[in-house]
Amino acid sequence: MATLKEPQVRTRLTEEGGDVVGSTPDQFSTYIKVETAKWAKVIKAANVRAE
């Protein structure tokens, strides 16, 4: 997390299109679960199929 506080690191990540967010492993796990559920609904509703 200390690295994400470095101005050069934050600038570079932002320039590359990233969002600088520091979180705990538990917070990240929760985020992934929520996002997976959200996008699974969208994919199913749109009847998206992998080719």
PDB file of N, CA and C in Angstrom:
ATOM      1  N   MET A   1       0.821  -1.187   0.000  1.00  0.00           N
ATOM      2  CA  MET A   1       0.000   0.000   0.000  1.00  0.00           C
ATOM      3  C   MET A   1       0.864   1.250   0.000  1.00  0.00           C
ATOM      4  N   ALA A   2       2.023   1.192   0.588  1.00  0.00           N
ATOM      5  CA  ALA A   2       2.892   2.370   0.625  1.00  0.00           C
ATOM      6  C   ALA A   2       3.265   2.809  -0.780  1.00  0.00           C
ATOM      7  N   THR A   3       3.450   1.859  -1.658  1.00  0.00           N
ATOM      8  CA  THR A   3       3.817   2.181  -3.041  1.00  0.00           C
ATOM      9  C   THR A   3       2.732   3.011  -3.717  1.00  0.00           C
ATOM     10  N   LEU A   4       1.481   2.717  -3.431  1.00  0.00           N
ATOM     11  CA  LEU A   4       0.380   3.452  -4.052  1.00  0.00           C
ATOM     12  C   LEU A   4       0.308   4.900  -3.574  1.00  0.00           C
ATOM     13  N   LYS A   5       1.006   5.233  -2.512  1.00  0.00           N
ATOM     14  CA  LYS A   5       1.038   6.607  -2.011  1.00  0.00           C
ATOM     15  C   LYS A   5       2.111   7.440  -2.699  1.00  0.00           C
ATOM     16  N   GLU A   6       2.992   6.803  -3.438  1.00  0.00           N
ATOM     17  CA  GLU A   6       4.058   7.517  -4.147  1.00  0.00           C
ATOM     18  C   GLU A   6       3.455   8.296  -5.319  1.00  0.00           C
ATOM     19  N   PRO A   7       3.720   9.607  -5.380  1.00  0.00           N
ATOM     20  CA  PRO A   7       3.136  10.420  -6.459  1.00  0.00           C
ATOM     21  C   PRO A   7       3.469   9.912  -7.869  1.00  0.00           C
ATOM     22  N   GLN A   8       4.694   9.465  -8.085  1.00  0.00           N
ATOM     23  CA  GLN A   8       5.069   8.974  -9.415  1.00  0.00           C
ATOM     24  C   GLN A   8       4.289   7.719  -9.792  1.00  0.00           C
ATOM     25  N   VAL A   9       4.072   6.856  -8.831  1.00  0.00           N
ATOM     26  CA  VAL A   9       3.323   5.621  -9.080  1.00  0.00           C
ATOM     27  C   VAL A   9       1.872   5.958  -9.380  1.00  0.00           C
ATOM     28  N   ARG A  10       1.283   6.819  -8.575  1.00  0.00           N
ATOM     29  CA  ARG A  10      -0.112   7.219  -8.778  1.00  0.00           C
ATOM     30  C   ARG A  10      -0.299   7.869 -10.145  1.00  0.00           C
ATOM     31  N   THR A  11       0.621   8.755 -10.504  1.00  0.00           N
ATOM     32  CA  THR A  11       0.543   9.438 -11.793  1.00  0.00           C
ATOM     33  C   THR A  11       0.628   8.438 -12.937  1.00  0.00           C
ATOM     34  N   ARG A  12       1.570   7.538 -12.859  1.00  0.00           N
ATOM     35  CA  ARG A  12       1.761   6.557 -13.941  1.00  0.00           C
ATOM     36  C   ARG A  12       0.529   5.662 -14.091  1.00  0.00           C
ATOM     37  N   LEU A  13       0.016   5.188 -12.988  1.00  0.00           N
ATOM     38  CA  LEU A  13      -1.170   4.327 -13.052  1.00  0.00           C
ATOM     39  C   LEU A  13      -2.360   5.080 -13.636  1.00  0.00           C
ATOM     40  N   THR A  14      -2.524   6.325 -13.236  1.00  0.00           N
ATOM     41  CA  THR A  14      -3.623   7.138 -13.750  1.00  0.00           C
ATOM     42  C   THR A  14      -3.453   7.392 -15.243  1.00  0.00           C
ATOM     43  N   GLU A  15      -2.225   7.694 -15.666  1.00  0.00           N
ATOM     44  CA  GLU A  15      -1.956   7.919 -17.089  1.00  0.00           C
ATOM     45  C   GLU A  15      -2.251   6.682 -17.927  1.00  0.00           C
ATOM     46  N   GLU A  16      -2.081   5.516 -17.342  1.00  0.00           N
ATOM     47  CA  GLU A  16      -2.325   4.257 -18.048  1.00  0.00           C
ATOM     48  C   GLU A  16      -3.792   3.836 -17.983  1.00  0.00           C
ATOM     49  N   GLY A  17      -4.630   4.672 -17.369  1.00  0.00           N
ATOM     50  CA  GLY A  17      -6.060   4.395 -17.318  1.00  0.00           C
ATOM     51  C   GLY A  17      -6.517   3.674 -16.068  1.00  0.00           C
ATOM     52  N   GLY A  18      -5.638   3.546 -15.103  1.00  0.00           N
ATOM     53  CA  GLY A  18      -5.989   2.840 -13.873  1.00  0.00           C
ATOM     54  C   GLY A  18      -6.633   3.748 -12.846  1.00  0.00           C
ATOM     55  N   ASP A  19      -7.318   3.139 -11.929  1.00  0.00           N
ATOM     56  CA  ASP A  19      -7.864   3.831 -10.766  1.00  0.00           C
ATOM     57  C   ASP A  19      -7.036   3.398  -9.569  1.00  0.00           C
ATOM     58  N   VAL A  20      -6.442   4.353  -8.891  1.00  0.00           N
ATOM     59  CA  VAL A  20      -5.597   4.032  -7.747  1.00  0.00           C
ATOM     60  C   VAL A  20      -6.481   3.873  -6.524  1.00  0.00           C
ATOM     61  N   VAL A  21      -6.608   2.629  -6.081  1.00  0.00           N
ATOM     62  CA  VAL A  21      -7.443   2.311  -4.933  1.00  0.00           C
ATOM     63  C   VAL A  21      -6.677   1.331  -4.055  1.00  0.00           C
ATOM     64  N   GLY A  22      -6.523   1.676  -2.822  1.00  0.00           N
ATOM     65  CA  GLY A  22      -5.888   0.755  -1.884  1.00  0.00           C
ATOM     66  C   GLY A  22      -6.966   0.107  -1.030  1.00  0.00           C
ATOM     67  N   SER A  23      -6.885  -1.181  -0.875  1.00  0.00           N
ATOM     68  CA  SER A  23      -7.874  -1.879  -0.050  1.00  0.00           C
ATOM     69  C   SER A  23      -7.242  -3.120   0.547  1.00  0.00           C
ATOM     70  N   THR A  24      -7.970  -3.703   1.446  1.00  0.00           N
ATOM     71  CA  THR A  24      -7.500  -4.937   2.066  1.00  0.00           C
ATOM     72  C   THR A  24      -7.873  -6.111   1.159  1.00  0.00           C
ATOM     73  N   PRO A  25      -7.239  -7.258   1.373  1.00  0.00           N
ATOM     74  CA  PRO A  25      -7.635  -8.440   0.597  1.00  0.00           C
ATOM     75  C   PRO A  25      -9.122  -8.784   0.761  1.00  0.00           C
ATOM     76  N   ASP A  26      -9.664  -8.614   1.961  1.00  0.00           N
ATOM     77  CA  ASP A  26     -11.089  -8.899   2.175  1.00  0.00           C
ATOM     78  C   ASP A  26     -11.979  -7.930   1.399  1.00  0.00           C
ATOM     79  N   GLN A  27     -11.604  -6.658   1.379  1.00  0.00           N
ATOM     80  CA  GLN A  27     -12.377  -5.677   0.618  1.00  0.00           C
ATOM     81  C   GLN A  27     -12.319  -5.990  -0.872  1.00  0.00           C
ATOM     82  N   PHE A  28     -11.162  -6.367  -1.355  1.00  0.00           N
ATOM     83  CA  PHE A  28     -11.019  -6.707  -2.768  1.00  0.00           C
ATOM     84  C   PHE A  28     -11.836  -7.941  -3.115  1.00  0.00           C
ATOM     85  N   SER A  29     -11.829  -8.926  -2.239  1.00  0.00           N
ATOM     86  CA  SER A  29     -12.607 -10.145  -2.456  1.00  0.00           C
ATOM     87  C   SER A  29     -14.099  -9.819  -2.553  1.00  0.00           C
ATOM     88  N   THR A  30     -14.569  -8.973  -1.665  1.00  0.00           N
ATOM     89  CA  THR A  30     -15.975  -8.564  -1.692  1.00  0.00           C
ATOM     90  C   THR A  30     -16.290  -7.830  -2.988  1.00  0.00           C
ATOM     91  N   TYR A  31     -15.411  -6.952  -3.410  1.00  0.00           N
ATOM     92  CA  TYR A  31     -15.598  -6.204  -4.657  1.00  0.00           C
ATOM     93  C   TYR A  31     -15.715  -7.157  -5.842  1.00  0.00           C
ATOM     94  N   ILE A  32     -14.828  -8.135  -5.910  1.00  0.00           N
ATOM     95  CA  ILE A  32     -14.855  -9.097  -7.019  1.00  0.00           C
ATOM     96  C   ILE A  32     -16.161  -9.890  -7.016  1.00  0.00           C
ATOM     97  N   LYS A  33     -16.614 -10.312  -5.859  1.00  0.00           N
ATOM     98  CA  LYS A  33     -17.868 -11.071  -5.768  1.00  0.00           C
ATOM     99  C   LYS A  33     -19.054 -10.235  -6.228  1.00  0.00           C
ATOM    100  N   VAL A  34     -19.109  -8.982  -5.802  1.00  0.00           N
ATOM    101  CA  VAL A  34     -20.209  -8.092  -6.185  1.00  0.00           C
ATOM    102  C   VAL A  34     -20.180  -7.831  -7.688  1.00  0.00           C
ATOM    103  N   GLU A  35     -19.008  -7.530  -8.221  1.00  0.00           N
ATOM    104  CA  GLU A  35     -18.882  -7.259  -9.654  1.00  0.00           C
ATOM    105  C   GLU A  35     -19.220  -8.495 -10.494  1.00  0.00           C
ATOM    106  N   THR A  36     -18.796  -9.664 -10.051  1.00  0.00           N
ATOM    107  CA  THR A  36     -19.091 -10.895 -10.778  1.00  0.00           C
ATOM    108  C   THR A  36     -20.593 -11.130 -10.846  1.00  0.00           C
ATOM    109  N   ALA A  37     -21.266 -10.953  -9.726  1.00  0.00           N
ATOM    110  CA  ALA A  37     -22.720 -11.143  -9.696  1.00  0.00           C
ATOM    111  C   ALA A  37     -23.416 -10.114 -10.590  1.00  0.00           C
ATOM    112  N   LYS A  38     -22.981  -8.863 -10.530  1.00  0.00           N
ATOM    113  CA  LYS A  38     -23.590  -7.805 -11.325  1.00  0.00           C
ATOM    114  C   LYS A  38     -23.445  -8.079 -12.818  1.00  0.00           C
ATOM    115  N   TRP A  39     -22.238  -8.394 -13.254  1.00  0.00           N
ATOM    116  CA  TRP A  39     -22.009  -8.597 -14.681  1.00  0.00           C
ATOM    117  C   TRP A  39     -22.577  -9.923 -15.169  1.00  0.00           C
ATOM    118  N   ALA A  40     -22.703 -10.901 -14.304  1.00  0.00           N
ATOM    119  CA  ALA A  40     -23.336 -12.164 -14.697  1.00  0.00           C
ATOM    120  C   ALA A  40     -24.795 -11.914 -15.081  1.00  0.00           C
ATOM    121  N   LYS A  41     -25.470 -11.036 -14.334  1.00  0.00           N
ATOM    122  CA  LYS A  41     -26.860 -10.692 -14.654  1.00  0.00           C
ATOM    123  C   LYS A  41     -26.951  -9.985 -16.004  1.00  0.00           C
ATOM    124  N   VAL A  42     -26.030  -9.067 -16.244  1.00  0.00           N
ATOM    125  CA  VAL A  42     -26.031  -8.332 -17.512  1.00  0.00           C
ATOM    126  C   VAL A  42     -25.788  -9.294 -18.677  1.00  0.00           C
ATOM    127  N   ILE A  43     -24.828 -10.163 -18.526  1.00  0.00           N
ATOM    128  CA  ILE A  43     -24.492 -11.125 -19.587  1.00  0.00           C
ATOM    129  C   ILE A  43     -25.666 -12.044 -19.873  1.00  0.00           C
ATOM    130  N   LYS A  44     -26.309 -12.512 -18.813  1.00  0.00           N
ATOM    131  CA  LYS A  44     -27.447 -13.407 -19.000  1.00  0.00           C
ATOM    132  C   LYS A  44     -28.623 -12.671 -19.666  1.00  0.00           C
ATOM    133  N   ALA A  45     -28.905 -11.460 -19.226  1.00  0.00           N
ATOM    134  CA  ALA A  45     -30.017 -10.675 -19.785  1.00  0.00           C
ATOM    135  C   ALA A  45     -29.778 -10.345 -21.259  1.00  0.00           C
ATOM    136  N   ALA A  46     -28.523 -10.138 -21.625  1.00  0.00           N
ATOM    137  CA  ALA A  46     -28.195  -9.798 -23.007  1.00  0.00           C
ATOM    138  C   ALA A  46     -27.966 -11.029 -23.862  1.00  0.00           C
ATOM    139  N   ASN A  47     -28.060 -12.189 -23.254  1.00  0.00           N
ATOM    140  CA  ASN A  47     -27.852 -13.467 -23.941  1.00  0.00           C
ATOM    141  C   ASN A  47     -26.502 -13.513 -24.665  1.00  0.00           C
ATOM    142  N   VAL A  48     -25.469 -13.041 -23.962  1.00  0.00           N
ATOM    143  CA  VAL A  48     -24.121 -13.014 -24.525  1.00  0.00           C
ATOM    144  C   VAL A  48     -23.545 -14.425 -24.513  1.00  0.00           C
ATOM    145  N   ARG A  49     -22.911 -14.808 -25.605  1.00  0.00           N
ATOM    146  CA  ARG A  49     -22.301 -16.134 -25.731  1.00  0.00           C
ATOM    147  C   ARG A  49     -20.845 -15.989 -26.146  1.00  0.00           C
ATOM    148  N   ALA A  50     -19.996 -16.781 -25.577  1.00  0.00           N
ATOM    149  CA  ALA A  50     -18.578 -16.787 -25.977  1.00  0.00           C
ATOM    150  C   ALA A  50     -18.445 -17.512 -27.316  1.00  0.00           C
ATOM    151  N   GLU A  51     -17.570 -17.006 -28.142  1.00  0.00           N
ATOM    152  CA  GLU A  51     -17.353 -17.658 -29.440  1.00  0.00           C
ATOM    153  C   GLU A  51     -16.012 -18.329 -29.465  1.00  0.00           C
TER     154      GLU A  51
END
